[in-house]
Amino acid sequence: MAAADEEEVKLGSSKPMIATQAEMVEQRVPIPYRDQCAHLLIPLNKCRVKELYLPWKCEEERHAYEKCEYELVMERMLQMQKIRELEERRKKAGQTKPQGAGIPIIASTANT
């Protein structure tokens, strides 16, 4: 059981960043959208401009981008579930969380 107690959840995405920062800046991708799916957003936005944002155009590009975003959300949900399960196991075993472990809900500031 000692191995399970030392278990940690790997944070972050397993998907690699394909689009570089330079490409995203050049294509004017908004900062909140610069994630692991940005390489799919760039051709989608080009298609949207070319097709005058008609909703029935660029369906393949939009589907690929939305699928990528969905996979990222599902991956984050799975990570959060693993974190909760690990905390629950530690709580049942009577362990206290080590200082600085877990995900803080409120960021610490200089005043606290």
PDB file of N, CA and C in Angstrom:
ATOM      1  N   MET A   1       0.825  -1.199   0.000  1.00  0.00           N
ATOM      2  CA  MET A   1       0.000   0.000   0.000  1.00  0.00           C
ATOM      3  C   MET A   1       0.862   1.254   0.000  1.00  0.00           C
ATOM      4  N   ALA A   2       2.152   1.123   0.324  1.00  0.00           N
ATOM      5  CA  ALA A   2       3.046   2.272   0.372  1.00  0.00           C
ATOM      6  C   ALA A   2       3.188   2.910  -1.002  1.00  0.00           C
ATOM      7  N   ALA A   3       3.183   2.099  -2.045  1.00  0.00           N
ATOM      8  CA  ALA A   3       3.305   2.649  -3.397  1.00  0.00           C
ATOM      9  C   ALA A   3       2.084   3.487  -3.744  1.00  0.00           C
ATOM     10  N   ALA A   4       0.907   3.066  -3.289  1.00  0.00           N
ATOM     11  CA  ALA A   4      -0.314   3.826  -3.580  1.00  0.00           C
ATOM     12  C   ALA A   4      -0.326   5.143  -2.815  1.00  0.00           C
ATOM     13  N   ASP A   5       0.269   5.159  -1.607  1.00  0.00           N
ATOM     14  CA  ASP A   5       0.305   6.388  -0.832  1.00  0.00           C
ATOM     15  C   ASP A   5       1.204   7.443  -1.472  1.00  0.00           C
ATOM     16  N   GLU A   6       2.252   6.994  -2.146  1.00  0.00           N
ATOM     17  CA  GLU A   6       3.186   7.922  -2.772  1.00  0.00           C
ATOM     18  C   GLU A   6       2.728   8.330  -4.166  1.00  0.00           C
ATOM     19  N   GLU A   7       1.619   7.782  -4.608  1.00  0.00           N
ATOM     20  CA  GLU A   7       1.095   8.054  -5.940  1.00  0.00           C
ATOM     21  C   GLU A   7       0.766   9.539  -6.095  1.00  0.00           C
ATOM     22  N   GLU A   8       1.126  10.090  -7.206  1.00  0.00           N
ATOM     23  CA  GLU A   8       0.803  11.476  -7.520  1.00  0.00           C
ATOM     24  C   GLU A   8       0.121  11.523  -8.875  1.00  0.00           C
ATOM     25  N   VAL A   9      -0.672  12.537  -9.096  1.00  0.00           N
ATOM     26  CA  VAL A   9      -1.370  12.719 -10.357  1.00  0.00           C
ATOM     27  C   VAL A   9      -0.546  13.651 -11.222  1.00  0.00           C
ATOM     28  N   LYS A  10      -0.290  13.226 -12.453  1.00  0.00           N
ATOM     29  CA  LYS A  10       0.467  14.057 -13.390  1.00  0.00           C
ATOM     30  C   LYS A  10      -0.468  15.136 -13.931  1.00  0.00           C
ATOM     31  N   LEU A  11      -0.088  16.383 -13.720  1.00  0.00           N
ATOM     32  CA  LEU A  11      -0.904  17.495 -14.190  1.00  0.00           C
ATOM     33  C   LEU A  11      -0.462  17.914 -15.579  1.00  0.00           C
ATOM     34  N   GLY A  12      -1.343  18.556 -16.295  1.00  0.00           N
ATOM     35  CA  GLY A  12      -1.030  19.009 -17.639  1.00  0.00           C
ATOM     36  C   GLY A  12      -1.633  18.077 -18.664  1.00  0.00           C
ATOM     37  N   SER A  13      -1.490  18.432 -19.911  1.00  0.00           N
ATOM     38  CA  SER A  13      -2.077  17.659 -20.990  1.00  0.00           C
ATOM     39  C   SER A  13      -1.060  16.697 -21.579  1.00  0.00           C
ATOM     40  N   SER A  14      -1.553  15.573 -22.064  1.00  0.00           N
ATOM     41  CA  SER A  14      -0.685  14.615 -22.731  1.00  0.00           C
ATOM     42  C   SER A  14      -0.501  14.983 -24.199  1.00  0.00           C
ATOM     43  N   LYS A  15      -1.320  15.916 -24.686  1.00  0.00           N
ATOM     44  CA  LYS A  15      -1.204  16.333 -26.087  1.00  0.00           C
ATOM     45  C   LYS A  15      -0.058  17.329 -26.236  1.00  0.00           C
ATOM     46  N   PRO A  16       0.737  17.175 -27.273  1.00  0.00           N
ATOM     47  CA  PRO A  16       1.843  18.127 -27.477  1.00  0.00           C
ATOM     48  C   PRO A  16       1.349  19.425 -28.119  1.00  0.00           C
ATOM     49  N   MET A  17       2.097  20.489 -27.888  1.00  0.00           N
ATOM     50  CA  MET A  17       1.817  21.759 -28.558  1.00  0.00           C
ATOM     51  C   MET A  17       2.389  21.662 -29.965  1.00  0.00           C
ATOM     52  N   ILE A  18       1.546  21.802 -30.978  1.00  0.00           N
ATOM     53  CA  ILE A  18       1.999  21.693 -32.361  1.00  0.00           C
ATOM     54  C   ILE A  18       2.264  23.078 -32.944  1.00  0.00           C
ATOM     55  N   ALA A  19       1.350  24.003 -32.709  1.00  0.00           N
ATOM     56  CA  ALA A  19       1.522  25.372 -33.198  1.00  0.00           C
ATOM     57  C   ALA A  19       2.507  26.104 -32.289  1.00  0.00           C
ATOM     58  N   THR A  20       3.429  26.824 -32.878  1.00  0.00           N
ATOM     59  CA  THR A  20       4.405  27.578 -32.092  1.00  0.00           C
ATOM     60  C   THR A  20       3.814  28.926 -31.693  1.00  0.00           C
ATOM     61  N   GLN A  21       4.458  29.568 -30.712  1.00  0.00           N
ATOM     62  CA  GLN A  21       3.996  30.889 -30.280  1.00  0.00           C
ATOM     63  C   GLN A  21       4.054  31.874 -31.445  1.00  0.00           C
ATOM     64  N   ALA A  22       5.105  31.783 -32.267  1.00  0.00           N
ATOM     65  CA  ALA A  22       5.252  32.701 -33.401  1.00  0.00           C
ATOM     66  C   ALA A  22       4.094  32.530 -34.388  1.00  0.00           C
ATOM     67  N   GLU A  23       3.715  31.287 -34.663  1.00  0.00           N
ATOM     68  CA  GLU A  23       2.595  31.042 -35.579  1.00  0.00           C
ATOM     69  C   GLU A  23       1.301  31.594 -35.004  1.00  0.00           C
ATOM     70  N   MET A  24       1.090  31.397 -33.711  1.00  0.00           N
ATOM     71  CA  MET A  24      -0.146  31.877 -33.098  1.00  0.00           C
ATOM     72  C   MET A  24      -0.202  33.395 -33.078  1.00  0.00           C
ATOM     73  N   VAL A  25       0.919  34.040 -32.838  1.00  0.00           N
ATOM     74  CA  VAL A  25       0.953  35.507 -32.865  1.00  0.00           C
ATOM     75  C   VAL A  25       0.701  35.998 -34.289  1.00  0.00           C
ATOM     76  N   GLU A  26       1.355  35.348 -35.253  1.00  0.00           N
ATOM     77  CA  GLU A  26       1.200  35.749 -36.655  1.00  0.00           C
ATOM     78  C   GLU A  26      -0.246  35.603 -37.122  1.00  0.00           C
ATOM     79  N   GLN A  27      -0.914  34.555 -36.682  1.00  0.00           N
ATOM     80  CA  GLN A  27      -2.308  34.319 -37.078  1.00  0.00           C
ATOM     81  C   GLN A  27      -3.315  35.002 -36.166  1.00  0.00           C
ATOM     82  N   ARG A  28      -2.820  35.760 -35.202  1.00  0.00           N
ATOM     83  CA  ARG A  28      -3.653  36.517 -34.268  1.00  0.00           C
ATOM     84  C   ARG A  28      -4.633  35.632 -33.493  1.00  0.00           C
ATOM     85  N   VAL A  29      -4.134  34.506 -33.008  1.00  0.00           N
ATOM     86  CA  VAL A  29      -4.961  33.635 -32.177  1.00  0.00           C
ATOM     87  C   VAL A  29      -5.060  34.297 -30.802  1.00  0.00           C
ATOM     88  N   PRO A  30      -6.276  34.534 -30.287  1.00  0.00           N
ATOM     89  CA  PRO A  30      -6.412  35.153 -28.967  1.00  0.00           C
ATOM     90  C   PRO A  30      -5.723  34.309 -27.890  1.00  0.00           C
ATOM     91  N   ILE A  31      -5.156  34.964 -26.902  1.00  0.00           N
ATOM     92  CA  ILE A  31      -4.383  34.273 -25.861  1.00  0.00           C
ATOM     93  C   ILE A  31      -5.170  33.146 -25.192  1.00  0.00           C
ATOM     94  N   PRO A  32      -6.452  33.320 -24.844  1.00  0.00           N
ATOM     95  CA  PRO A  32      -7.160  32.201 -24.195  1.00  0.00           C
ATOM     96  C   PRO A  32      -7.295  30.945 -25.069  1.00  0.00           C
ATOM     97  N   TYR A  33      -7.126  31.090 -26.375  1.00  0.00           N
ATOM     98  CA  TYR A  33      -7.278  29.960 -27.291  1.00  0.00           C
ATOM     99  C   TYR A  33      -5.940  29.333 -27.670  1.00  0.00           C
ATOM    100  N   ARG A  34      -4.862  29.770 -27.080  1.00  0.00           N
ATOM    101  CA  ARG A  34      -3.536  29.234 -27.404  1.00  0.00           C
ATOM    102  C   ARG A  34      -3.251  27.996 -26.552  1.00  0.00           C
ATOM    103  N   ASP A  35      -3.908  26.919 -26.907  1.00  0.00           N
ATOM    104  CA  ASP A  35      -3.728  25.666 -26.183  1.00  0.00           C
ATOM    105  C   ASP A  35      -3.272  24.583 -27.151  1.00  0.00           C
ATOM    106  N   GLN A  36      -3.419  23.330 -26.763  1.00  0.00           N
ATOM    107  CA  GLN A  36      -2.953  22.216 -27.585  1.00  0.00           C
ATOM    108  C   GLN A  36      -3.789  22.028 -28.842  1.00  0.00           C
ATOM    109  N   CYS A  37      -4.877  22.766 -28.993  1.00  0.00           N
ATOM    110  CA  CYS A  37      -5.726  22.668 -30.180  1.00  0.00           C
ATOM    111  C   CYS A  37      -5.579  23.875 -31.109  1.00  0.00           C
ATOM    112  N   ALA A  38      -4.665  24.752 -30.800  1.00  0.00           N
ATOM    113  CA  ALA A  38      -4.505  25.972 -31.607  1.00  0.00           C
ATOM    114  C   ALA A  38      -4.119  25.657 -33.039  1.00  0.00           C
ATOM    115  N   HIS A  39      -3.410  24.544 -33.247  1.00  0.00           N
ATOM    116  CA  HIS A  39      -3.015  24.186 -34.614  1.00  0.00           C
ATOM    117  C   HIS A  39      -4.231  23.853 -35.475  1.00  0.00           C
ATOM    118  N   LEU A  40      -5.349  23.529 -34.862  1.00  0.00           N
ATOM    119  CA  LEU A  40      -6.585  23.277 -35.604  1.00  0.00           C
ATOM    120  C   LEU A  40      -7.437  24.542 -35.730  1.00  0.00           C
ATOM    121  N   LEU A  41      -7.261  25.467 -34.804  1.00  0.00           N
ATOM    122  CA  LEU A  41      -8.015  26.717 -34.847  1.00  0.00           C
ATOM    123  C   LEU A  41      -7.519  27.630 -35.973  1.00  0.00           C
ATOM    124  N   ILE A  42      -6.231  27.591 -36.264  1.00  0.00           N
ATOM    125  CA  ILE A  42      -5.666  28.459 -37.307  1.00  0.00           C
ATOM    126  C   ILE A  42      -6.316  28.190 -38.665  1.00  0.00           C
ATOM    127  N   PRO A  43      -6.340  26.935 -39.162  1.00  0.00           N
ATOM    128  CA  PRO A  43      -7.013  26.722 -40.453  1.00  0.00           C
ATOM    129  C   PRO A  43      -8.530  26.939 -40.386  1.00  0.00           C
ATOM    130  N   LEU A  44      -9.123  26.702 -39.221  1.00  0.00           N
ATOM    131  CA  LEU A  44     -10.564  26.953 -39.073  1.00  0.00           C
ATOM    132  C   LEU A  44     -10.851  28.441 -39.240  1.00  0.00           C
ATOM    133  N   ASN A  45     -10.064  29.291 -38.606  1.00  0.00           N
ATOM    134  CA  ASN A  45     -10.296  30.732 -38.731  1.00  0.00           C
ATOM    135  C   ASN A  45     -10.043  31.221 -40.154  1.00  0.00           C
ATOM    136  N   LYS A  46      -9.036  30.644 -40.827  1.00  0.00           N
ATOM    137  CA  LYS A  46      -8.789  31.018 -42.231  1.00  0.00           C
ATOM    138  C   LYS A  46      -9.996  30.646 -43.090  1.00  0.00           C
ATOM    139  N   CYS A  47     -10.530  29.459 -42.848  1.00  0.00           N
ATOM    140  CA  CYS A  47     -11.698  29.004 -43.607  1.00  0.00           C
ATOM    141  C   CYS A  47     -12.902  29.896 -43.319  1.00  0.00           C
ATOM    142  N   ARG A  48     -13.085  30.251 -42.065  1.00  0.00           N
ATOM    143  CA  ARG A  48     -14.217  31.105 -41.695  1.00  0.00           C
ATOM    144  C   ARG A  48     -14.158  32.448 -42.412  1.00  0.00           C
ATOM    145  N   VAL A  49     -12.981  33.049 -42.469  1.00  0.00           N
ATOM    146  CA  VAL A  49     -12.832  34.341 -43.148  1.00  0.00           C
ATOM    147  C   VAL A  49     -13.103  34.178 -44.642  1.00  0.00           C
ATOM    148  N   LYS A  50     -12.540  33.110 -45.218  1.00  0.00           N
ATOM    149  CA  LYS A  50     -12.712  32.867 -46.654  1.00  0.00           C
ATOM    150  C   LYS A  50     -14.179  32.630 -47.007  1.00  0.00           C
ATOM    151  N   GLU A  51     -14.921  31.946 -46.141  1.00  0.00           N
ATOM    152  CA  GLU A  51     -16.315  31.588 -46.403  1.00  0.00           C
ATOM    153  C   GLU A  51     -17.312  32.557 -45.756  1.00  0.00           C
ATOM    154  N   LEU A  52     -16.824  33.700 -45.287  1.00  0.00           N
ATOM    155  CA  LEU A  52     -17.673  34.743 -44.708  1.00  0.00           C
ATOM    156  C   LEU A  52     -18.478  34.249 -43.500  1.00  0.00           C
ATOM    157  N   TYR A  53     -17.898  33.364 -42.713  1.00  0.00           N
ATOM    158  CA  TYR A  53     -18.491  32.849 -41.469  1.00  0.00           C
ATOM    159  C   TYR A  53     -19.856  32.173 -41.665  1.00  0.00           C
ATOM    160  N   LEU A  54     -20.087  31.603 -42.834  1.00  0.00           N
ATOM    161  CA  LEU A  54     -21.338  30.885 -43.049  1.00  0.00           C
ATOM    162  C   LEU A  54     -21.320  29.621 -42.190  1.00  0.00           C
ATOM    163  N   PRO A  55     -22.384  29.385 -41.418  1.00  0.00           N
ATOM    164  CA  PRO A  55     -22.359  28.286 -40.445  1.00  0.00           C
ATOM    165  C   PRO A  55     -22.257  26.894 -41.067  1.00  0.00           C
ATOM    166  N   TRP A  56     -22.702  26.715 -42.302  1.00  0.00           N
ATOM    167  CA  TRP A  56     -22.650  25.387 -42.914  1.00  0.00           C
ATOM    168  C   TRP A  56     -21.334  25.143 -43.652  1.00  0.00           C
ATOM    169  N   LYS A  57     -20.455  26.119 -43.639  1.00  0.00           N
ATOM    170  CA  LYS A  57     -19.134  25.949 -44.243  1.00  0.00           C
ATOM    171  C   LYS A  57     -18.133  25.561 -43.148  1.00  0.00           C
ATOM    172  N   CYS A  58     -17.002  25.048 -43.531  1.00  0.00           N
ATOM    173  CA  CYS A  58     -15.884  24.713 -42.627  1.00  0.00           C
ATOM    174  C   CYS A  58     -16.291  23.697 -41.557  1.00  0.00           C
ATOM    175  N   GLU A  59     -17.222  22.817 -41.877  1.00  0.00           N
ATOM    176  CA  GLU A  59     -17.694  21.858 -40.884  1.00  0.00           C
ATOM    177  C   GLU A  59     -16.614  20.884 -40.453  1.00  0.00           C
ATOM    178  N   GLU A  60     -15.789  20.412 -41.389  1.00  0.00           N
ATOM    179  CA  GLU A  60     -14.739  19.454 -41.041  1.00  0.00           C
ATOM    180  C   GLU A  60     -13.712  20.081 -40.106  1.00  0.00           C
ATOM    181  N   GLU A  61     -13.308  21.310 -40.412  1.00  0.00           N
ATOM    182  CA  GLU A  61     -12.333  22.004 -39.570  1.00  0.00           C
ATOM    183  C   GLU A  61     -12.902  22.268 -38.181  1.00  0.00           C
ATOM    184  N   ARG A  62     -14.173  22.697 -38.141  1.00  0.00           N
ATOM    185  CA  ARG A  62     -14.808  22.979 -36.858  1.00  0.00           C
ATOM    186  C   ARG A  62     -14.961  21.713 -36.027  1.00  0.00           C
ATOM    187  N   HIS A  63     -15.332  20.630 -36.673  1.00  0.00           N
ATOM    188  CA  HIS A  63     -15.499  19.366 -35.952  1.00  0.00           C
ATOM    189  C   HIS A  63     -14.157  18.898 -35.374  1.00  0.00           C
ATOM    190  N   ALA A  64     -13.093  19.004 -36.149  1.00  0.00           N
ATOM    191  CA  ALA A  64     -11.771  18.588 -35.669  1.00  0.00           C
ATOM    192  C   ALA A  64     -11.339  19.433 -34.471  1.00  0.00           C
ATOM    193  N   TYR A  65     -11.568  20.743 -34.551  1.00  0.00           N
ATOM    194  CA  TYR A  65     -11.195  21.642 -33.454  1.00  0.00           C
ATOM    195  C   TYR A  65     -12.037  21.356 -32.205  1.00  0.00           C
ATOM    196  N   GLU A  66     -13.342  21.219 -32.364  1.00  0.00           N
ATOM    197  CA  GLU A  66     -14.215  20.971 -31.211  1.00  0.00           C
ATOM    198  C   GLU A  66     -13.934  19.620 -30.576  1.00  0.00           C
ATOM    199  N   LYS A  67     -13.580  18.623 -31.391  1.00  0.00           N
ATOM    200  CA  LYS A  67     -13.230  17.305 -30.850  1.00  0.00           C
ATOM    201  C   LYS A  67     -11.960  17.401 -30.019  1.00  0.00           C
ATOM    202  N   CYS A  68     -10.983  18.146 -30.502  1.00  0.00           N
ATOM    203  CA  CYS A  68      -9.730  18.334 -29.763  1.00  0.00           C
ATOM    204  C   CYS A  68     -10.004  19.027 -28.428  1.00  0.00           C
ATOM    205  N   GLU A  69     -10.810  20.076 -28.442  1.00  0.00           N
ATOM    206  CA  GLU A  69     -11.149  20.788 -27.209  1.00  0.00           C
ATOM    207  C   GLU A  69     -11.901  19.876 -26.238  1.00  0.00           C
ATOM    208  N   TYR A  70     -12.812  19.062 -26.763  1.00  0.00           N
ATOM    209  CA  TYR A  70     -13.568  18.125 -25.924  1.00  0.00           C
ATOM    210  C   TYR A  70     -12.614  17.137 -25.253  1.00  0.00           C
ATOM    211  N   GLU A  71     -11.644  16.626 -26.013  1.00  0.00           N
ATOM    212  CA  GLU A  71     -10.683  15.680 -25.444  1.00  0.00           C
ATOM    213  C   GLU A  71      -9.851  16.325 -24.340  1.00  0.00           C
ATOM    214  N   LEU A  72      -9.493  17.595 -24.510  1.00  0.00           N
ATOM    215  CA  LEU A  72      -8.751  18.303 -23.465  1.00  0.00           C
ATOM    216  C   LEU A  72      -9.594  18.442 -22.194  1.00  0.00           C
ATOM    217  N   VAL A  73     -10.864  18.783 -22.350  1.00  0.00           N
ATOM    218  CA  VAL A  73     -11.751  18.926 -21.193  1.00  0.00           C
ATOM    219  C   VAL A  73     -11.905  17.590 -20.483  1.00  0.00           C
ATOM    220  N   MET A  74     -12.113  16.520 -21.243  1.00  0.00           N
ATOM    221  CA  MET A  74     -12.273  15.206 -20.636  1.00  0.00           C
ATOM    222  C   MET A  74     -11.002  14.774 -19.914  1.00  0.00           C
ATOM    223  N   GLU A  75      -9.860  15.104 -20.460  1.00  0.00           N
ATOM    224  CA  GLU A  75      -8.589  14.779 -19.817  1.00  0.00           C
ATOM    225  C   GLU A  75      -8.440  15.526 -18.489  1.00  0.00           C
ATOM    226  N   ARG A  76      -8.824  16.816 -18.473  1.00  0.00           N
ATOM    227  CA  ARG A  76      -8.759  17.582 -17.228  1.00  0.00           C
ATOM    228  C   ARG A  76      -9.739  17.031 -16.193  1.00  0.00           C
ATOM    229  N   MET A  77     -10.922  16.622 -16.637  1.00  0.00           N
ATOM    230  CA  MET A  77     -11.901  16.053 -15.709  1.00  0.00           C
ATOM    231  C   MET A  77     -11.377  14.752 -15.105  1.00  0.00           C
ATOM    232  N   LEU A  78     -10.725  13.928 -15.904  1.00  0.00           N
ATOM    233  CA  LEU A  78     -10.162  12.678 -15.409  1.00  0.00           C
ATOM    234  C   LEU A  78      -9.049  12.952 -14.402  1.00  0.00           C
ATOM    235  N   GLN A  79      -8.203  13.940 -14.686  1.00  0.00           N
ATOM    236  CA  GLN A  79      -7.146  14.310 -13.748  1.00  0.00           C
ATOM    237  C   GLN A  79      -7.728  14.785 -12.430  1.00  0.00           C
ATOM    238  N   MET A  80      -8.781  15.597 -12.493  1.00  0.00           N
ATOM    239  CA  MET A  80      -9.400  16.100 -11.265  1.00  0.00           C
ATOM    240  C   MET A  80     -10.034  14.964 -10.483  1.00  0.00           C
ATOM    241  N   GLN A  81     -10.643  14.004 -11.170  1.00  0.00           N
ATOM    242  CA  GLN A  81     -11.221  12.846 -10.496  1.00  0.00           C
ATOM    243  C   GLN A  81     -10.130  12.046  -9.787  1.00  0.00           C
ATOM    244  N   LYS A  82      -8.985  11.865 -10.433  1.00  0.00           N
ATOM    245  CA  LYS A  82      -7.876  11.140  -9.814  1.00  0.00           C
ATOM    246  C   LYS A  82      -7.349  11.881  -8.589  1.00  0.00           C
ATOM    247  N   ILE A  83      -7.295  13.217  -8.663  1.00  0.00           N
ATOM    248  CA  ILE A  83      -6.837  14.014  -7.522  1.00  0.00           C
ATOM    249  C   ILE A  83      -7.797  13.835  -6.353  1.00  0.00           C
ATOM    250  N   ARG A  84      -9.104  13.891  -6.624  1.00  0.00           N
ATOM    251  CA  ARG A  84     -10.095  13.715  -5.560  1.00  0.00           C
ATOM    252  C   ARG A  84     -10.008  12.332  -4.935  1.00  0.00           C
ATOM    253  N   GLU A  85      -9.831  11.304  -5.772  1.00  0.00           N
ATOM    254  CA  GLU A  85      -9.714   9.941  -5.256  1.00  0.00           C
ATOM    255  C   GLU A  85      -8.470   9.787  -4.393  1.00  0.00           C
ATOM    256  N   LEU A  86      -7.370  10.378  -4.821  1.00  0.00           N
ATOM    257  CA  LEU A  86      -6.129  10.305  -4.057  1.00  0.00           C
ATOM    258  C   LEU A  86      -6.285  11.020  -2.721  1.00  0.00           C
ATOM    259  N   GLU A  87      -6.913  12.188  -2.711  1.00  0.00           N
ATOM    260  CA  GLU A  87      -7.142  12.911  -1.460  1.00  0.00           C
ATOM    261  C   GLU A  87      -8.063  12.125  -0.538  1.00  0.00           C
ATOM    262  N   GLU A  88      -9.074  11.488  -1.111  1.00  0.00           N
ATOM    263  CA  GLU A  88      -9.995  10.683  -0.306  1.00  0.00           C
ATOM    264  C   GLU A  88      -9.264   9.493   0.320  1.00  0.00           C
ATOM    265  N   ARG A  89      -8.403   8.839  -0.452  1.00  0.00           N
ATOM    266  CA  ARG A  89      -7.621   7.719   0.092  1.00  0.00           C
ATOM    267  C   ARG A  89      -6.703   8.178   1.210  1.00  0.00           C
ATOM    268  N   ARG A  90      -6.087   9.336   1.019  1.00  0.00           N
ATOM    269  CA  ARG A  90      -5.197   9.868   2.061  1.00  0.00           C
ATOM    270  C   ARG A  90      -5.989  10.226   3.314  1.00  0.00           C
ATOM    271  N   LYS A  91      -7.186  10.767   3.114  1.00  0.00           N
ATOM    272  CA  LYS A  91      -8.024  11.136   4.253  1.00  0.00           C
ATOM    273  C   LYS A  91      -8.438   9.879   5.027  1.00  0.00           C
ATOM    274  N   LYS A  92      -8.808   8.819   4.299  1.00  0.00           N
ATOM    275  CA  LYS A  92      -9.203   7.570   4.948  1.00  0.00           C
ATOM    276  C   LYS A  92      -8.034   6.930   5.685  1.00  0.00           C
ATOM    277  N   ALA A  93      -6.825   7.067   5.146  1.00  0.00           N
ATOM    278  CA  ALA A  93      -5.638   6.478   5.763  1.00  0.00           C
ATOM    279  C   ALA A  93      -5.155   7.325   6.938  1.00  0.00           C
ATOM    280  N   GLY A  94      -5.773   8.494   7.149  1.00  0.00           N
ATOM    281  CA  GLY A  94      -5.398   9.351   8.260  1.00  0.00           C
ATOM    282  C   GLY A  94      -4.208  10.236   7.978  1.00  0.00           C
ATOM    283  N   GLN A  95      -3.795  10.297   6.731  1.00  0.00           N
ATOM    284  CA  GLN A  95      -2.673  11.156   6.379  1.00  0.00           C
ATOM    285  C   GLN A  95      -3.172  12.578   6.194  1.00  0.00           C
ATOM    286  N   THR A  96      -2.297  13.505   6.493  1.00  0.00           N
ATOM    287  CA  THR A  96      -2.601  14.893   6.189  1.00  0.00           C
ATOM    288  C   THR A  96      -1.865  15.250   4.922  1.00  0.00           C
ATOM    289  N   LYS A  97      -2.413  16.200   4.203  1.00  0.00           N
ATOM    290  CA  LYS A  97      -1.752  16.614   2.972  1.00  0.00           C
ATOM    291  C   LYS A  97      -0.437  17.293   3.303  1.00  0.00           C
ATOM    292  N   PRO A  98       0.625  16.983   2.552  1.00  0.00           N
ATOM    293  CA  PRO A  98       1.865  17.717   2.754  1.00  0.00           C
ATOM    294  C   PRO A  98       1.681  19.184   2.377  1.00  0.00           C
ATOM    295  N   GLN A  99       2.438  20.056   3.018  1.00  0.00           N
ATOM    296  CA  GLN A  99       2.340  21.492   2.755  1.00  0.00           C
ATOM    297  C   GLN A  99       2.602  21.767   1.283  1.00  0.00           C
ATOM    298  N   GLY A 100       1.723  22.522   0.643  1.00  0.00           N
ATOM    299  CA  GLY A 100       1.909  22.897  -0.752  1.00  0.00           C
ATOM    300  C   GLY A 100       1.334  21.872  -1.720  1.00  0.00           C
ATOM    301  N   ALA A 101       0.778  20.777  -1.245  1.00  0.00           N
ATOM    302  CA  ALA A 101       0.231  19.762  -2.140  1.00  0.00           C
ATOM    303  C   ALA A 101      -1.190  20.131  -2.533  1.00  0.00           C
ATOM    304  N   GLY A 102      -1.655  19.565  -3.606  1.00  0.00           N
ATOM    305  CA  GLY A 102      -3.013  19.795  -4.061  1.00  0.00           C
ATOM    306  C   GLY A 102      -3.133  21.046  -4.904  1.00  0.00           C
ATOM    307  N   ILE A 103      -4.333  21.374  -5.237  1.00  0.00           N
ATOM    308  CA  ILE A 103      -4.603  22.538  -6.065  1.00  0.00           C
ATOM    309  C   ILE A 103      -5.267  23.587  -5.197  1.00  0.00           C
ATOM    310  N   PRO A 104      -4.632  24.746  -5.005  1.00  0.00           N
ATOM    311  CA  PRO A 104      -5.241  25.776  -4.163  1.00  0.00           C
ATOM    312  C   PRO A 104      -6.454  26.383  -4.846  1.00  0.00           C
ATOM    313  N   ILE A 105      -7.501  26.595  -4.082  1.00  0.00           N
ATOM    314  CA  ILE A 105      -8.697  27.209  -4.631  1.00  0.00           C
ATOM    315  C   ILE A 105      -8.499  28.722  -4.717  1.00  0.00           C
ATOM    316  N   ILE A 106      -7.906  29.297  -3.685  1.00  0.00           N
ATOM    317  CA  ILE A 106      -7.651  30.722  -3.661  1.00  0.00           C
ATOM    318  C   ILE A 106      -6.144  30.922  -3.693  1.00  0.00           C
ATOM    319  N   ALA A 107      -5.681  31.724  -4.616  1.00  0.00           N
ATOM    320  CA  ALA A 107      -4.259  31.955  -4.742  1.00  0.00           C
ATOM    321  C   ALA A 107      -3.750  32.741  -3.524  1.00  0.00           C
ATOM    322  N   SER A 108      -2.573  32.371  -3.047  1.00  0.00           N
ATOM    323  CA  SER A 108      -2.001  33.109  -1.913  1.00  0.00           C
ATOM    324  C   SER A 108      -1.459  34.444  -2.432  1.00  0.00           C
ATOM    325  N   THR A 109      -1.622  35.451  -1.619  1.00  0.00           N
ATOM    326  CA  THR A 109      -1.141  36.776  -1.994  1.00  0.00           C
ATOM    327  C   THR A 109      -0.071  37.215  -1.031  1.00  0.00           C
ATOM    328  N   ALA A 110       0.509  38.357  -1.280  1.00  0.00           N
ATOM    329  CA  ALA A 110       1.576  38.876  -0.424  1.00  0.00           C
ATOM    330  C   ALA A 110       1.032  39.254   0.950  1.00  0.00           C
ATOM    331  N   ASN A 111      -0.251  39.537   1.052  1.00  0.00           N
ATOM    332  CA  ASN A 111      -0.841  39.971   2.318  1.00  0.00           C
ATOM    333  C   ASN A 111      -1.230  38.818   3.236  1.00  0.00           C
ATOM    334  N   THR A 112      -1.241  37.587   2.729  1.00  0.00           N
ATOM    335  CA  THR A 112      -1.690  36.471   3.567  1.00  0.00           C
ATOM    336  C   THR A 112      -0.545  35.609   3.991  1.00  0.00           C
TER     337      THR A 112
END
